[in-house]
């Protein structure tokens, strides 16, 4: 199980880079702070669930939760693009 948790941690670091990029670009382009906080809070919540799903060896749940986190990052990028117009 320690190996699985180590792998989950490495995956979290990779995902964190995408989230930081999404948050910084959203902040730079003037997306509402409350929206950024809400999306980031959702991201943190699903990443916690991801660790549990990874530790319990639940690949279906893990995939859904992982995709939710990635989509929240892309949602911030989308809001950033839409805020430019």
N, C-alpha and C. Protein backbone atom coordinates (compact mmCIF):
# COMPACT_ATOMS: atom_id res chain seq x y z
N UNK A 1 0.81 -1.19 0.00
CA UNK A 1 0.00 0.00 0.00
C UNK A 1 0.86 1.26 0.00
N UNK A 2 2.03 1.20 0.62
CA UNK A 2 2.92 2.37 0.63
C UNK A 2 3.36 2.75 -0.77
N UNK A 3 3.57 1.73 -1.61
CA UNK A 3 3.95 2.00 -3.00
C UNK A 3 2.81 2.72 -3.72
N UNK A 4 1.59 2.27 -3.49
CA UNK A 4 0.43 2.90 -4.12
C UNK A 4 0.29 4.36 -3.68
N UNK A 5 0.48 4.61 -2.41
CA UNK A 5 0.39 5.99 -1.91
C UNK A 5 1.52 6.85 -2.46
N UNK A 6 2.69 6.27 -2.63
CA UNK A 6 3.79 6.99 -3.26
C UNK A 6 3.47 7.36 -4.70
N UNK A 7 2.86 6.42 -5.42
CA UNK A 7 2.45 6.70 -6.80
C UNK A 7 1.37 7.78 -6.85
N UNK A 8 0.45 7.72 -5.89
CA UNK A 8 -0.59 8.75 -5.83
C UNK A 8 0.02 10.13 -5.58
N UNK A 9 1.04 10.16 -4.72
CA UNK A 9 1.70 11.43 -4.43
C UNK A 9 2.39 11.98 -5.68
N UNK A 10 3.07 11.13 -6.42
CA UNK A 10 3.72 11.59 -7.66
C UNK A 10 2.69 12.12 -8.65
N UNK A 11 1.55 11.44 -8.74
CA UNK A 11 0.50 11.90 -9.64
C UNK A 11 -0.06 13.24 -9.18
N UNK A 12 -0.14 13.42 -7.86
CA UNK A 12 -0.64 14.69 -7.33
C UNK A 12 0.29 15.84 -7.70
N UNK A 13 1.58 15.60 -7.66
CA UNK A 13 2.55 16.64 -8.02
C UNK A 13 2.38 17.04 -9.48
N UNK A 14 2.20 16.05 -10.34
CA UNK A 14 1.99 16.34 -11.77
C UNK A 14 0.72 17.16 -11.98
N UNK A 15 -0.36 16.79 -11.30
CA UNK A 15 -1.62 17.51 -11.43
C UNK A 15 -1.56 18.91 -10.84
N UNK A 16 -0.77 19.06 -9.80
CA UNK A 16 -0.64 20.36 -9.14
C UNK A 16 -0.05 21.40 -10.09
N UNK A 17 0.87 20.99 -10.93
CA UNK A 17 1.48 21.92 -11.89
C UNK A 17 0.42 22.50 -12.82
N UNK A 18 -0.49 21.65 -13.30
CA UNK A 18 -1.56 22.12 -14.17
C UNK A 18 -2.48 23.08 -13.44
N UNK A 19 -2.80 22.78 -12.20
CA UNK A 19 -3.69 23.64 -11.43
C UNK A 19 -3.05 25.00 -11.15
N UNK A 20 -1.77 25.00 -10.82
CA UNK A 20 -1.08 26.27 -10.58
C UNK A 20 -1.10 27.14 -11.83
N UNK A 21 -0.85 26.52 -12.98
CA UNK A 21 -0.89 27.28 -14.24
C UNK A 21 -2.29 27.84 -14.49
N UNK A 22 -3.31 27.04 -14.22
CA UNK A 22 -4.68 27.50 -14.44
C UNK A 22 -5.03 28.65 -13.50
N UNK A 23 -4.66 28.54 -12.24
CA UNK A 23 -4.97 29.59 -11.27
C UNK A 23 -4.22 30.87 -11.60
N UNK A 24 -2.95 30.76 -11.91
CA UNK A 24 -2.17 31.97 -12.20
C UNK A 24 -2.66 32.69 -13.45
N UNK A 25 -3.01 31.93 -14.50
CA UNK A 25 -3.52 32.60 -15.70
C UNK A 25 -4.88 33.23 -15.44
N UNK A 26 -5.72 32.54 -14.66
CA UNK A 26 -7.03 33.11 -14.34
C UNK A 26 -6.88 34.39 -13.52
N UNK A 27 -5.96 34.39 -12.58
CA UNK A 27 -5.73 35.59 -11.77
C UNK A 27 -5.18 36.72 -12.63
N UNK A 28 -4.28 36.39 -13.52
CA UNK A 28 -3.66 37.41 -14.37
C UNK A 28 -4.67 38.05 -15.32
N UNK A 29 -5.68 37.29 -15.73
CA UNK A 29 -6.66 37.81 -16.68
C UNK A 29 -7.92 38.34 -16.03
N UNK A 30 -7.94 38.38 -14.69
CA UNK A 30 -9.03 39.03 -13.99
C UNK A 30 -10.28 38.19 -13.75
N UNK A 31 -10.15 36.88 -13.74
CA UNK A 31 -11.30 36.04 -13.39
C UNK A 31 -11.64 36.30 -11.92
N UNK A 32 -12.91 36.29 -11.61
CA UNK A 32 -13.38 36.57 -10.25
C UNK A 32 -12.68 35.68 -9.23
N UNK A 33 -12.24 36.32 -8.15
CA UNK A 33 -11.54 35.59 -7.10
C UNK A 33 -12.42 34.50 -6.48
N UNK A 34 -13.69 34.79 -6.32
CA UNK A 34 -14.58 33.80 -5.71
C UNK A 34 -14.72 32.56 -6.59
N UNK A 35 -14.73 32.74 -7.89
CA UNK A 35 -14.79 31.59 -8.80
C UNK A 35 -13.50 30.79 -8.72
N UNK A 36 -12.38 31.47 -8.69
CA UNK A 36 -11.09 30.78 -8.58
C UNK A 36 -11.04 29.97 -7.29
N UNK A 37 -11.49 30.57 -6.20
CA UNK A 37 -11.48 29.87 -4.90
C UNK A 37 -12.40 28.65 -4.95
N UNK A 38 -13.58 28.81 -5.53
CA UNK A 38 -14.53 27.69 -5.60
C UNK A 38 -13.97 26.54 -6.42
N UNK A 39 -13.41 26.85 -7.59
CA UNK A 39 -12.87 25.79 -8.45
C UNK A 39 -11.66 25.13 -7.80
N UNK A 40 -10.81 25.93 -7.18
CA UNK A 40 -9.64 25.38 -6.51
C UNK A 40 -10.04 24.51 -5.32
N UNK A 41 -11.05 24.92 -4.58
CA UNK A 41 -11.54 24.11 -3.46
C UNK A 41 -12.09 22.77 -3.96
N UNK A 42 -12.82 22.83 -5.05
CA UNK A 42 -13.32 21.58 -5.66
C UNK A 42 -12.16 20.68 -6.05
N UNK A 43 -11.13 21.27 -6.66
CA UNK A 43 -9.97 20.50 -7.08
C UNK A 43 -9.31 19.80 -5.88
N UNK A 44 -9.12 20.53 -4.80
CA UNK A 44 -8.49 19.95 -3.61
C UNK A 44 -9.35 18.81 -3.06
N UNK A 45 -10.66 19.01 -3.04
CA UNK A 45 -11.57 17.98 -2.54
C UNK A 45 -11.47 16.70 -3.38
N UNK A 46 -11.52 16.84 -4.70
CA UNK A 46 -11.47 15.63 -5.53
C UNK A 46 -10.10 14.97 -5.49
N UNK A 47 -9.06 15.75 -5.28
CA UNK A 47 -7.73 15.13 -5.15
C UNK A 47 -7.60 14.34 -3.86
N UNK A 48 -8.27 14.77 -2.80
CA UNK A 48 -8.28 13.98 -1.57
C UNK A 48 -9.02 12.67 -1.79
N UNK A 49 -10.14 12.74 -2.49
CA UNK A 49 -10.88 11.52 -2.82
C UNK A 49 -10.03 10.62 -3.71
N UNK A 50 -9.27 11.23 -4.61
CA UNK A 50 -8.39 10.47 -5.50
C UNK A 50 -7.39 9.63 -4.70
N UNK A 51 -6.80 10.23 -3.67
CA UNK A 51 -5.83 9.49 -2.85
C UNK A 51 -6.50 8.28 -2.20
N UNK A 52 -7.70 8.48 -1.66
CA UNK A 52 -8.42 7.37 -1.05
C UNK A 52 -8.75 6.28 -2.07
N UNK A 53 -9.21 6.69 -3.25
CA UNK A 53 -9.53 5.72 -4.29
C UNK A 53 -8.28 4.97 -4.75
N UNK A 54 -7.18 5.66 -4.82
CA UNK A 54 -5.91 5.04 -5.22
C UNK A 54 -5.46 4.04 -4.16
N UNK A 55 -5.55 4.43 -2.89
CA UNK A 55 -5.13 3.56 -1.79
C UNK A 55 -6.01 2.32 -1.68
N UNK A 56 -7.31 2.47 -1.99
CA UNK A 56 -8.23 1.34 -1.88
C UNK A 56 -8.31 0.52 -3.17
N UNK A 57 -7.48 0.88 -4.16
CA UNK A 57 -7.44 0.17 -5.45
C UNK A 57 -8.81 0.12 -6.12
N UNK A 58 -9.37 1.31 -6.32
CA UNK A 58 -10.66 1.46 -6.98
C UNK A 58 -10.44 2.20 -8.31
N UNK A 59 -10.05 1.47 -9.37
CA UNK A 59 -9.67 2.14 -10.62
C UNK A 59 -10.79 2.94 -11.28
N UNK A 60 -12.04 2.47 -11.20
CA UNK A 60 -13.14 3.21 -11.81
C UNK A 60 -13.36 4.54 -11.13
N UNK A 61 -13.46 4.51 -9.82
CA UNK A 61 -13.64 5.74 -9.05
C UNK A 61 -12.44 6.66 -9.22
N UNK A 62 -11.27 6.08 -9.20
CA UNK A 62 -10.04 6.87 -9.34
C UNK A 62 -10.04 7.62 -10.67
N UNK A 63 -10.46 6.96 -11.74
CA UNK A 63 -10.47 7.60 -13.06
C UNK A 63 -11.47 8.75 -13.11
N UNK A 64 -12.65 8.53 -12.56
CA UNK A 64 -13.68 9.58 -12.56
C UNK A 64 -13.21 10.79 -11.75
N UNK A 65 -12.63 10.52 -10.60
CA UNK A 65 -12.16 11.60 -9.73
C UNK A 65 -10.99 12.33 -10.37
N UNK A 66 -10.08 11.59 -10.98
CA UNK A 66 -8.94 12.21 -11.66
C UNK A 66 -9.42 13.14 -12.78
N UNK A 67 -10.39 12.65 -13.57
CA UNK A 67 -10.91 13.45 -14.67
C UNK A 67 -11.61 14.70 -14.15
N UNK A 68 -12.29 14.59 -13.02
CA UNK A 68 -12.94 15.76 -12.43
C UNK A 68 -11.92 16.83 -12.08
N UNK A 69 -10.78 16.41 -11.53
CA UNK A 69 -9.72 17.36 -11.20
C UNK A 69 -9.14 18.03 -12.43
N UNK A 70 -8.89 17.25 -13.45
CA UNK A 70 -8.33 17.80 -14.70
C UNK A 70 -9.33 18.76 -15.34
N UNK A 71 -10.60 18.37 -15.36
CA UNK A 71 -11.62 19.25 -15.95
C UNK A 71 -11.77 20.55 -15.18
N UNK A 72 -11.57 20.52 -13.87
CA UNK A 72 -11.64 21.77 -13.12
C UNK A 72 -10.50 22.72 -13.54
N UNK A 73 -9.33 22.16 -13.84
CA UNK A 73 -8.23 22.99 -14.34
C UNK A 73 -8.58 23.59 -15.70
N UNK A 74 -9.11 22.76 -16.58
CA UNK A 74 -9.48 23.25 -17.91
C UNK A 74 -10.63 24.25 -17.83
N UNK A 75 -11.50 24.11 -16.83
CA UNK A 75 -12.57 25.07 -16.64
C UNK A 75 -11.99 26.45 -16.31
N UNK A 76 -10.97 26.49 -15.49
CA UNK A 76 -10.33 27.77 -15.20
C UNK A 76 -9.69 28.36 -16.45
N UNK A 77 -9.06 27.52 -17.26
CA UNK A 77 -8.49 28.02 -18.53
C UNK A 77 -9.60 28.55 -19.43
N UNK A 78 -10.72 27.85 -19.47
CA UNK A 78 -11.87 28.29 -20.27
C UNK A 78 -12.36 29.66 -19.79
N UNK A 79 -12.52 29.80 -18.48
CA UNK A 79 -12.96 31.10 -17.93
C UNK A 79 -11.96 32.20 -18.25
N UNK A 80 -10.69 31.86 -18.25
CA UNK A 80 -9.65 32.84 -18.59
C UNK A 80 -9.81 33.30 -20.03
N UNK A 81 -10.03 32.36 -20.93
CA UNK A 81 -10.19 32.70 -22.35
C UNK A 81 -11.46 33.53 -22.54
N UNK A 82 -12.54 33.13 -21.89
CA UNK A 82 -13.80 33.85 -22.05
C UNK A 82 -13.74 35.25 -21.43
N UNK A 83 -12.88 35.43 -20.45
CA UNK A 83 -12.73 36.73 -19.80
C UNK A 83 -11.96 37.71 -20.69
N UNK A 84 -11.29 37.20 -21.72
CA UNK A 84 -10.51 38.07 -22.62
C UNK A 84 -11.42 38.82 -23.60
N UNK A 85 -12.62 38.32 -23.81
CA UNK A 85 -13.50 38.92 -24.82
C UNK A 85 -14.58 39.76 -24.21
